[in-house]
Structures are given as C-alpha cells and as structure tokens.
Amino acid sequence: MIKKHTRTKYKLKKNDTVQIITGKDKGKTGRILDIDNRNGRVVIEGLNMVKKAVRPKGQNQKGGINEVEAALAISNVMIVCKKCGPTRAGYRFEGNEKIRVCRKCGEQL
C-alpha cells in the first residue's frame, strides 16, 4: 500500500512575524522565510542558526563553515499581533473575504 503525503493547512504565512515559544531561541522574534506544509516545519530569518560545511563551487565561491537558518517545528512558533504580542490566529468573514484576525483583540493580522 502506498502512503500518500498529506499537506496540512496552517494559519501562518510567509513574511509573518512570529515568536519562538520553546527551544534554544525561546522568546526571540523573526520573519518567516519558508514554510514546509508537508513536514510541518518553518524557517525563520536569523534564528535557529546552525553551522554547515560547504564545499567550494565554481571559481568565485569559497568553501568552509557557514551559518545558516535551520527549520524548526511550526508548533514551536506563535504569530505576533502588533497590539497584544504572541497570540493565536483566527478567521473572520467580511463579505466574500476571509481575513486572519488576532484571537485576543480581534485586530487584523
């Protein structure tokens, strides 16, 4: 039997400001660079940095050890509202539009 990969839909999107709620960078905020819906992971700009060995490619690039952002579980981040800080996201319908809102204050995210 072939197992199909399911894509889970998350309320977070690219370029959202999020705060890490657990792990080595707990309490730090950053912007989402990439979301992997299939594996439930997210990459945040400048956070969860790891060292990666890189081989030189071509004539202009140097090899060595670089620091890059690593993915972390999407359950370990919360979206940040401008008014009330880290919160959960909800939806509200206005006419035919579906708008993401803060669960605490109702402000549009």
N, C-alpha and C. Protein backbone atom coordinates (compact mmCIF):
# COMPACT_ATOMS: atom_id res chain seq x y z
N MET A 1 0.83 -1.18 0.00
CA MET A 1 0.00 0.00 0.00
C MET A 1 0.87 1.24 0.00
N ILE A 2 0.58 2.17 -0.89
CA ILE A 2 1.35 3.41 -1.00
C ILE A 2 0.71 4.46 -0.10
N LYS A 3 1.55 5.05 0.74
CA LYS A 3 1.05 6.06 1.66
C LYS A 3 1.16 7.44 1.01
N LYS A 4 0.06 8.14 0.95
CA LYS A 4 0.08 9.48 0.36
C LYS A 4 0.49 10.50 1.41
N HIS A 5 1.28 11.47 0.98
CA HIS A 5 1.65 12.56 1.88
C HIS A 5 0.53 13.58 1.89
N THR A 6 0.13 13.96 3.07
CA THR A 6 -0.93 14.96 3.18
C THR A 6 -0.32 16.31 3.50
N ARG A 7 -0.94 17.33 2.98
CA ARG A 7 -0.49 18.69 3.25
C ARG A 7 -1.45 19.29 4.26
N THR A 8 -0.91 19.67 5.40
CA THR A 8 -1.71 20.29 6.43
C THR A 8 -1.74 21.79 6.18
N LYS A 9 -2.88 22.40 6.37
CA LYS A 9 -3.00 23.84 6.16
C LYS A 9 -2.77 24.55 7.49
N TYR A 10 -1.88 25.51 7.48
CA TYR A 10 -1.55 26.26 8.68
C TYR A 10 -2.00 27.71 8.52
N LYS A 11 -2.19 28.38 9.65
CA LYS A 11 -2.64 29.77 9.62
C LYS A 11 -1.48 30.74 9.50
N LEU A 12 -0.27 30.25 9.49
CA LEU A 12 0.91 31.09 9.31
C LEU A 12 1.25 31.18 7.83
N LYS A 13 1.79 32.32 7.42
CA LYS A 13 2.18 32.53 6.03
C LYS A 13 3.58 33.11 5.96
N LYS A 14 4.15 33.10 4.78
CA LYS A 14 5.46 33.68 4.54
C LYS A 14 5.43 35.16 4.89
N ASN A 15 6.51 35.68 5.46
CA ASN A 15 6.70 37.08 5.86
C ASN A 15 5.90 37.46 7.11
N ASP A 16 5.25 36.52 7.79
CA ASP A 16 4.62 36.82 9.07
C ASP A 16 5.69 36.99 10.13
N THR A 17 5.43 37.86 11.11
CA THR A 17 6.32 37.99 12.25
C THR A 17 5.86 37.00 13.31
N VAL A 18 6.80 36.15 13.75
CA VAL A 18 6.46 35.12 14.73
C VAL A 18 7.46 35.16 15.88
N GLN A 19 7.04 34.58 17.01
CA GLN A 19 7.90 34.46 18.18
C GLN A 19 8.08 32.99 18.48
N ILE A 20 9.34 32.61 18.81
CA ILE A 20 9.62 31.22 19.17
C ILE A 20 9.23 31.03 20.62
N ILE A 21 8.43 29.99 20.90
CA ILE A 21 7.91 29.79 22.25
C ILE A 21 8.64 28.68 23.01
N THR A 22 9.51 27.93 22.35
CA THR A 22 10.28 26.90 23.04
C THR A 22 11.58 26.63 22.27
N GLY A 23 12.58 26.13 22.97
CA GLY A 23 13.85 25.80 22.34
C GLY A 23 14.94 26.78 22.69
N LYS A 24 16.07 26.69 21.98
CA LYS A 24 17.23 27.49 22.33
C LYS A 24 17.05 28.98 22.06
N ASP A 25 16.17 29.35 21.14
CA ASP A 25 15.91 30.76 20.81
C ASP A 25 14.58 31.24 21.38
N LYS A 26 14.14 30.66 22.49
CA LYS A 26 12.85 31.00 23.09
C LYS A 26 12.75 32.49 23.38
N GLY A 27 11.61 33.08 22.98
CA GLY A 27 11.36 34.50 23.23
C GLY A 27 11.80 35.43 22.12
N LYS A 28 12.58 34.95 21.16
CA LYS A 28 13.06 35.79 20.07
C LYS A 28 12.02 35.85 18.96
N THR A 29 11.97 36.98 18.26
CA THR A 29 11.02 37.13 17.16
C THR A 29 11.77 37.27 15.84
N GLY A 30 11.10 36.89 14.77
CA GLY A 30 11.67 36.98 13.44
C GLY A 30 10.60 36.81 12.38
N ARG A 31 11.03 36.93 11.12
CA ARG A 31 10.13 36.86 9.98
C ARG A 31 10.26 35.49 9.32
N ILE A 32 9.13 34.92 8.91
CA ILE A 32 9.13 33.60 8.27
C ILE A 32 9.69 33.72 6.86
N LEU A 33 10.70 32.89 6.57
CA LEU A 33 11.29 32.84 5.23
C LEU A 33 10.68 31.74 4.38
N ASP A 34 10.37 30.60 5.01
CA ASP A 34 9.87 29.45 4.24
C ASP A 34 9.02 28.56 5.14
N ILE A 35 7.96 27.99 4.57
CA ILE A 35 7.10 27.07 5.30
C ILE A 35 7.04 25.76 4.52
N ASP A 36 7.26 24.65 5.22
CA ASP A 36 7.15 23.32 4.64
C ASP A 36 5.88 22.68 5.19
N ASN A 37 4.78 22.77 4.43
CA ASN A 37 3.49 22.25 4.88
C ASN A 37 3.49 20.74 5.03
N ARG A 38 4.23 20.07 4.20
CA ARG A 38 4.23 18.60 4.22
C ARG A 38 4.85 18.07 5.51
N ASN A 39 5.92 18.69 5.98
CA ASN A 39 6.61 18.20 7.18
C ASN A 39 6.29 19.03 8.43
N GLY A 40 5.54 20.11 8.29
CA GLY A 40 5.17 20.92 9.43
C GLY A 40 6.34 21.67 10.03
N ARG A 41 7.18 22.26 9.17
CA ARG A 41 8.38 22.97 9.64
C ARG A 41 8.42 24.36 9.03
N VAL A 42 9.15 25.25 9.70
CA VAL A 42 9.22 26.64 9.29
C VAL A 42 10.64 27.15 9.48
N VAL A 43 11.11 28.02 8.56
CA VAL A 43 12.43 28.64 8.66
C VAL A 43 12.23 30.11 8.98
N ILE A 44 12.92 30.60 10.04
CA ILE A 44 12.76 31.97 10.49
C ILE A 44 14.07 32.72 10.29
N GLU A 45 13.98 33.93 9.78
CA GLU A 45 15.14 34.74 9.43
C GLU A 45 16.00 35.05 10.65
N GLY A 46 17.26 34.63 10.60
CA GLY A 46 18.23 34.96 11.64
C GLY A 46 18.10 34.16 12.93
N LEU A 47 17.22 33.17 12.98
CA LEU A 47 17.03 32.38 14.20
C LEU A 47 17.26 30.90 13.92
N ASN A 48 17.54 30.15 14.99
CA ASN A 48 17.84 28.72 14.92
C ASN A 48 19.01 28.46 13.97
N MET A 49 20.09 29.22 14.18
CA MET A 49 21.26 29.13 13.32
C MET A 49 22.07 27.87 13.64
N VAL A 50 22.53 27.19 12.58
CA VAL A 50 23.40 26.02 12.72
C VAL A 50 24.58 26.20 11.78
N LYS A 51 25.68 25.51 12.10
CA LYS A 51 26.86 25.57 11.25
C LYS A 51 26.79 24.47 10.21
N LYS A 52 27.09 24.82 8.97
CA LYS A 52 27.01 23.88 7.87
C LYS A 52 28.30 23.94 7.06
N ALA A 53 28.89 22.77 6.79
CA ALA A 53 30.10 22.70 5.98
C ALA A 53 29.71 22.81 4.51
N VAL A 54 30.38 23.72 3.79
CA VAL A 54 30.06 23.99 2.39
C VAL A 54 31.30 23.78 1.55
N ARG A 55 31.14 23.05 0.44
CA ARG A 55 32.26 22.85 -0.49
C ARG A 55 32.30 24.00 -1.47
N PRO A 56 33.49 24.36 -1.93
CA PRO A 56 33.57 25.44 -2.93
C PRO A 56 32.98 25.01 -4.27
N LYS A 57 32.18 25.88 -4.87
CA LYS A 57 31.60 25.62 -6.18
C LYS A 57 32.05 26.72 -7.12
N GLY A 58 32.55 26.33 -8.26
CA GLY A 58 32.96 27.31 -9.25
C GLY A 58 34.20 28.06 -8.81
N GLN A 59 34.47 29.19 -9.46
CA GLN A 59 35.68 29.96 -9.16
C GLN A 59 35.46 31.03 -8.11
N ASN A 60 34.23 31.55 -7.97
CA ASN A 60 34.02 32.71 -7.11
C ASN A 60 33.63 32.36 -5.68
N GLN A 61 33.09 31.17 -5.42
CA GLN A 61 32.59 30.85 -4.10
C GLN A 61 33.65 30.13 -3.27
N LYS A 62 33.77 30.55 -2.01
CA LYS A 62 34.70 29.91 -1.10
C LYS A 62 33.99 28.81 -0.33
N GLY A 63 34.75 27.79 0.04
CA GLY A 63 34.23 26.73 0.89
C GLY A 63 34.48 27.09 2.34
N GLY A 64 34.01 26.25 3.24
CA GLY A 64 34.24 26.49 4.65
C GLY A 64 33.00 26.18 5.47
N ILE A 65 32.96 26.75 6.66
CA ILE A 65 31.83 26.53 7.55
C ILE A 65 30.99 27.78 7.59
N ASN A 66 29.74 27.67 7.14
CA ASN A 66 28.81 28.80 7.12
C ASN A 66 27.73 28.59 8.16
N GLU A 67 27.13 29.70 8.61
CA GLU A 67 25.97 29.61 9.49
C GLU A 67 24.72 29.84 8.66
N VAL A 68 23.77 28.92 8.78
CA VAL A 68 22.51 29.03 8.05
C VAL A 68 21.34 28.80 9.00
N GLU A 69 20.16 29.27 8.60
CA GLU A 69 18.96 29.05 9.40
C GLU A 69 18.48 27.62 9.19
N ALA A 70 18.16 26.94 10.29
CA ALA A 70 17.61 25.59 10.21
C ALA A 70 16.11 25.66 10.44
N ALA A 71 15.40 24.67 9.92
CA ALA A 71 13.95 24.62 10.10
C ALA A 71 13.63 24.15 11.52
N LEU A 72 12.52 24.64 12.05
CA LEU A 72 12.03 24.14 13.32
C LEU A 72 10.55 23.87 13.22
N ALA A 73 10.03 23.11 14.15
CA ALA A 73 8.63 22.68 14.09
C ALA A 73 7.71 23.89 14.17
N ILE A 74 6.67 23.88 13.34
CA ILE A 74 5.74 25.01 13.27
C ILE A 74 4.95 25.15 14.57
N SER A 75 4.86 24.08 15.35
CA SER A 75 4.16 24.15 16.64
C SER A 75 4.94 24.94 17.68
N ASN A 76 6.21 25.23 17.42
CA ASN A 76 7.05 25.95 18.37
C ASN A 76 7.06 27.45 18.13
N VAL A 77 6.22 27.96 17.25
CA VAL A 77 6.16 29.39 16.99
C VAL A 77 4.72 29.89 17.11
N MET A 78 4.59 31.19 17.47
CA MET A 78 3.28 31.83 17.54
C MET A 78 3.36 33.14 16.78
N ILE A 79 2.27 33.47 16.09
CA ILE A 79 2.21 34.72 15.35
C ILE A 79 2.14 35.88 16.34
N VAL A 80 2.75 37.03 15.98
CA VAL A 80 2.80 38.18 16.87
C VAL A 80 1.82 39.25 16.37
N CYS A 81 0.90 39.65 17.25
CA CYS A 81 -0.04 40.73 16.97
C CYS A 81 0.64 42.05 17.35
N LYS A 82 0.38 43.11 16.60
CA LYS A 82 1.00 44.40 16.88
C LYS A 82 0.53 44.98 18.22
N LYS A 83 -0.71 44.67 18.60
CA LYS A 83 -1.27 45.20 19.84
C LYS A 83 -0.89 44.38 21.06
N CYS A 84 -1.16 43.05 20.99
CA CYS A 84 -1.10 42.24 22.21
C CYS A 84 0.02 41.21 22.25
N GLY A 85 0.92 41.17 21.28
CA GLY A 85 2.04 40.24 21.33
C GLY A 85 1.71 38.88 20.75
N PRO A 86 2.39 37.82 21.23
CA PRO A 86 2.15 36.49 20.66
C PRO A 86 0.74 36.00 20.93
N THR A 87 0.10 35.48 19.90
CA THR A 87 -1.29 35.08 20.00
C THR A 87 -1.58 33.98 18.99
N ARG A 88 -2.81 33.46 19.04
CA ARG A 88 -3.26 32.52 18.03
C ARG A 88 -4.00 33.30 16.95
N ALA A 89 -4.06 32.73 15.77
CA ALA A 89 -4.76 33.38 14.66
C ALA A 89 -6.11 32.73 14.45
N GLY A 90 -7.08 33.54 14.09
CA GLY A 90 -8.41 33.04 13.76
C GLY A 90 -8.83 33.65 12.44
N TYR A 91 -10.04 33.34 12.02
CA TYR A 91 -10.55 33.88 10.76
C TYR A 91 -11.87 34.59 11.00
N ARG A 92 -12.12 35.59 10.17
CA ARG A 92 -13.40 36.28 10.19
C ARG A 92 -13.78 36.54 8.73
N PHE A 93 -15.05 36.41 8.42
CA PHE A 93 -15.52 36.64 7.05
C PHE A 93 -16.13 38.03 6.97
N GLU A 94 -15.65 38.82 6.02
CA GLU A 94 -16.23 40.14 5.73
C GLU A 94 -16.65 40.13 4.27
N GLY A 95 -17.95 39.99 4.05
CA GLY A 95 -18.44 39.84 2.68
C GLY A 95 -17.99 38.50 2.14
N ASN A 96 -17.23 38.53 1.05
CA ASN A 96 -16.70 37.31 0.46
C ASN A 96 -15.24 37.07 0.83
N GLU A 97 -14.65 37.94 1.66
CA GLU A 97 -13.25 37.82 2.02
C GLU A 97 -13.08 37.10 3.34
N LYS A 98 -12.05 36.29 3.42
CA LYS A 98 -11.68 35.59 4.64
C LYS A 98 -10.44 36.29 5.20
N ILE A 99 -10.55 36.86 6.39
CA ILE A 99 -9.48 37.69 6.95
C ILE A 99 -8.94 37.03 8.21
N ARG A 100 -7.59 36.98 8.33
CA ARG A 100 -6.98 36.46 9.55
C ARG A 100 -7.03 37.52 10.64
N VAL A 101 -7.42 37.13 11.84
CA VAL A 101 -7.53 38.08 12.95
C VAL A 101 -6.85 37.50 14.18
N CYS A 102 -6.51 38.40 15.12
CA CYS A 102 -5.94 38.04 16.41
C CYS A 102 -7.06 37.48 17.28
N ARG A 103 -6.80 36.36 17.96
CA ARG A 103 -7.81 35.76 18.82
C ARG A 103 -8.01 36.55 20.11
N LYS A 104 -7.02 37.35 20.53
CA LYS A 104 -7.14 38.10 21.77
C LYS A 104 -7.94 39.39 21.58
N CYS A 105 -7.55 40.20 20.58
CA CYS A 105 -8.15 41.53 20.44
C CYS A 105 -9.02 41.68 19.21
N GLY A 106 -8.97 40.74 18.26
CA GLY A 106 -9.79 40.83 17.05
C GLY A 106 -9.21 41.70 15.96
N GLU A 107 -8.00 42.21 16.16
CA GLU A 107 -7.31 43.04 15.18
C GLU A 107 -6.89 42.21 13.98
N GLN A 108 -6.90 42.80 12.79
CA GLN A 108 -6.48 42.09 11.57
C GLN A 108 -4.98 41.87 11.60
N LEU A 109 -4.56 40.66 11.22
CA LEU A 109 -3.13 40.32 11.20
C LEU A 109 -2.53 40.56 9.83
